[in-house]
Each structure stands twice: as structure tokens, then as C-alpha cells.
Amino acid sequence: MINRLGDSYVAGFLYVYLIEGDIAKDMVYGSACAALSTTIPNETMPLFTKDRVE
């Protein structure tokens, strides 16, 4: 579970960082992705859309 949280956080963070470069928004997206990854039970690769993160 811990590894999935870190991976999801980094994915969300990098997604916004590479597009916008806004550090504050990067951290919010990273946190949202990590939180969403905990809502999908027994998934090794949780996938969700940008709309769901926002």
C-alpha cells in the first residue's frame, strides 16, 4: 500500500509539473492521486481520469 501511495503521488505531481510548473498545484494533484489510489481495493495499477482528480 505504501509503495502505491508514493507512486500515485509522484505521478500526479509530475503530470502537473511538466505541464504547468506550479509547485503548489503539483503537490495538490499529487496528494489527490495518492488519496484516490486508496479507494480502489486490490488494484496494482489504479487508473483514473484528470476529471476525477480535480
N, C-alpha and C. Protein backbone atom coordinates (compact mmCIF):
# COMPACT_ATOMS: atom_id res chain seq x y z
N MET A 1 0.81 -1.19 0.00
CA MET A 1 0.00 0.00 0.00
C MET A 1 0.86 1.26 0.00
N ILE A 2 1.90 1.29 0.81
CA ILE A 2 2.75 2.48 0.90
C ILE A 2 3.40 2.79 -0.45
N ASN A 3 3.88 1.77 -1.14
CA ASN A 3 4.51 1.97 -2.43
C ASN A 3 3.53 2.56 -3.44
N ARG A 4 2.29 2.07 -3.40
CA ARG A 4 1.28 2.58 -4.33
C ARG A 4 1.00 4.05 -4.05
N LEU A 5 0.96 4.44 -2.78
CA LEU A 5 0.72 5.85 -2.44
C LEU A 5 1.82 6.75 -2.99
N GLY A 6 3.06 6.33 -2.80
CA GLY A 6 4.18 7.12 -3.29
C GLY A 6 4.19 7.23 -4.80
N ASP A 7 3.93 6.11 -5.47
CA ASP A 7 3.90 6.12 -6.94
C ASP A 7 2.79 7.02 -7.46
N SER A 8 1.62 6.95 -6.83
CA SER A 8 0.50 7.78 -7.26
C SER A 8 0.78 9.26 -7.02
N TYR A 9 1.40 9.57 -5.88
CA TYR A 9 1.74 10.96 -5.58
C TYR A 9 2.70 11.50 -6.63
N VAL A 10 3.74 10.76 -6.91
CA VAL A 10 4.74 11.21 -7.88
C VAL A 10 4.12 11.37 -9.27
N ALA A 11 3.24 10.46 -9.65
CA ALA A 11 2.59 10.55 -10.96
C ALA A 11 1.78 11.83 -11.08
N GLY A 12 0.98 12.14 -10.05
CA GLY A 12 0.18 13.36 -10.08
C GLY A 12 1.05 14.61 -10.04
N PHE A 13 2.07 14.58 -9.21
CA PHE A 13 2.99 15.70 -9.10
C PHE A 13 3.67 15.98 -10.43
N LEU A 14 4.23 14.96 -11.04
CA LEU A 14 4.96 15.15 -12.30
C LEU A 14 4.05 15.56 -13.45
N TYR A 15 2.84 15.03 -13.46
CA TYR A 15 1.90 15.39 -14.52
C TYR A 15 1.70 16.90 -14.57
N VAL A 16 1.40 17.51 -13.43
CA VAL A 16 1.17 18.95 -13.40
C VAL A 16 2.47 19.72 -13.55
N TYR A 17 3.54 19.23 -12.96
CA TYR A 17 4.83 19.92 -13.05
C TYR A 17 5.29 20.04 -14.50
N LEU A 18 5.15 18.98 -15.26
CA LEU A 18 5.61 19.02 -16.65
C LEU A 18 4.72 19.89 -17.54
N ILE A 19 3.46 20.04 -17.16
CA ILE A 19 2.55 20.86 -17.97
C ILE A 19 2.56 22.32 -17.54
N GLU A 20 2.50 22.57 -16.22
CA GLU A 20 2.34 23.93 -15.73
C GLU A 20 3.52 24.45 -14.92
N GLY A 21 4.21 23.59 -14.21
CA GLY A 21 5.35 24.01 -13.41
C GLY A 21 4.99 24.75 -12.13
N ASP A 22 3.74 24.64 -11.70
CA ASP A 22 3.27 25.31 -10.49
C ASP A 22 3.41 24.36 -9.31
N ILE A 23 4.40 24.61 -8.43
CA ILE A 23 4.72 23.68 -7.34
C ILE A 23 3.52 23.47 -6.41
N ALA A 24 2.80 24.52 -6.06
CA ALA A 24 1.66 24.36 -5.14
C ALA A 24 0.60 23.45 -5.75
N LYS A 25 0.30 23.67 -7.02
CA LYS A 25 -0.70 22.83 -7.69
C LYS A 25 -0.18 21.41 -7.87
N ASP A 26 1.13 21.26 -8.08
CA ASP A 26 1.73 19.93 -8.21
C ASP A 26 1.48 19.10 -6.97
N MET A 27 1.68 19.71 -5.80
CA MET A 27 1.51 18.99 -4.54
C MET A 27 0.05 18.62 -4.30
N VAL A 28 -0.86 19.50 -4.69
CA VAL A 28 -2.29 19.21 -4.54
C VAL A 28 -2.68 18.02 -5.42
N TYR A 29 -2.25 18.02 -6.67
CA TYR A 29 -2.55 16.91 -7.58
C TYR A 29 -1.92 15.62 -7.10
N GLY A 30 -0.69 15.71 -6.63
CA GLY A 30 -0.02 14.52 -6.10
C GLY A 30 -0.78 13.93 -4.94
N SER A 31 -1.21 14.78 -4.02
CA SER A 31 -1.98 14.31 -2.86
C SER A 31 -3.32 13.73 -3.27
N ALA A 32 -3.97 14.35 -4.23
CA ALA A 32 -5.27 13.85 -4.71
C ALA A 32 -5.11 12.47 -5.36
N CYS A 33 -4.07 12.30 -6.15
CA CYS A 33 -3.84 11.00 -6.78
C CYS A 33 -3.54 9.93 -5.74
N ALA A 34 -2.76 10.26 -4.74
CA ALA A 34 -2.46 9.30 -3.68
C ALA A 34 -3.72 8.93 -2.91
N ALA A 35 -4.55 9.92 -2.62
CA ALA A 35 -5.80 9.65 -1.90
C ALA A 35 -6.74 8.77 -2.73
N LEU A 36 -6.85 9.07 -4.02
CA LEU A 36 -7.71 8.26 -4.88
C LEU A 36 -7.21 6.82 -5.00
N SER A 37 -5.92 6.63 -4.97
CA SER A 37 -5.39 5.27 -5.12
C SER A 37 -5.78 4.38 -3.95
N THR A 38 -6.10 4.98 -2.81
CA THR A 38 -6.52 4.17 -1.66
C THR A 38 -7.98 3.74 -1.77
N THR A 39 -8.74 4.33 -2.67
CA THR A 39 -10.16 4.00 -2.81
C THR A 39 -10.40 2.81 -3.73
N ILE A 40 -9.37 2.33 -4.39
CA ILE A 40 -9.50 1.21 -5.33
C ILE A 40 -8.89 -0.02 -4.68
N PRO A 41 -9.72 -0.93 -4.16
CA PRO A 41 -9.19 -2.10 -3.44
C PRO A 41 -8.50 -3.10 -4.36
N ASN A 42 -7.39 -3.62 -3.90
CA ASN A 42 -6.68 -4.71 -4.57
C ASN A 42 -6.26 -4.40 -6.00
N GLU A 43 -6.05 -3.15 -6.31
CA GLU A 43 -5.57 -2.77 -7.64
C GLU A 43 -4.06 -2.57 -7.58
N THR A 44 -3.34 -3.16 -8.51
CA THR A 44 -1.91 -2.95 -8.54
C THR A 44 -1.56 -1.70 -9.34
N MET A 45 -2.44 -1.28 -10.24
CA MET A 45 -2.20 -0.08 -11.02
C MET A 45 -3.49 0.72 -11.14
N PRO A 46 -3.78 1.55 -10.14
CA PRO A 46 -5.02 2.33 -10.21
C PRO A 46 -4.94 3.38 -11.31
N LEU A 47 -5.96 3.43 -12.14
CA LEU A 47 -6.02 4.42 -13.21
C LEU A 47 -7.27 5.27 -13.02
N PHE A 48 -7.11 6.57 -13.12
CA PHE A 48 -8.25 7.46 -13.03
C PHE A 48 -8.00 8.65 -13.94
N THR A 49 -9.08 9.34 -14.29
CA THR A 49 -9.00 10.44 -15.24
C THR A 49 -8.67 11.76 -14.53
N LYS A 50 -8.29 12.74 -15.31
CA LYS A 50 -7.99 14.07 -14.79
C LYS A 50 -9.23 14.67 -14.12
N ASP A 51 -10.39 14.44 -14.70
CA ASP A 51 -11.64 14.96 -14.13
C ASP A 51 -11.89 14.41 -12.73
N ARG A 52 -11.57 13.14 -12.52
CA ARG A 52 -11.78 12.54 -11.20
C ARG A 52 -10.81 13.12 -10.17
N VAL A 53 -9.61 13.46 -10.58
CA VAL A 53 -8.64 14.05 -9.67
C VAL A 53 -9.06 15.46 -9.29
N GLU A 54 -9.54 16.20 -10.25
CA GLU A 54 -9.96 17.60 -9.99
C GLU A 54 -11.21 17.61 -9.16
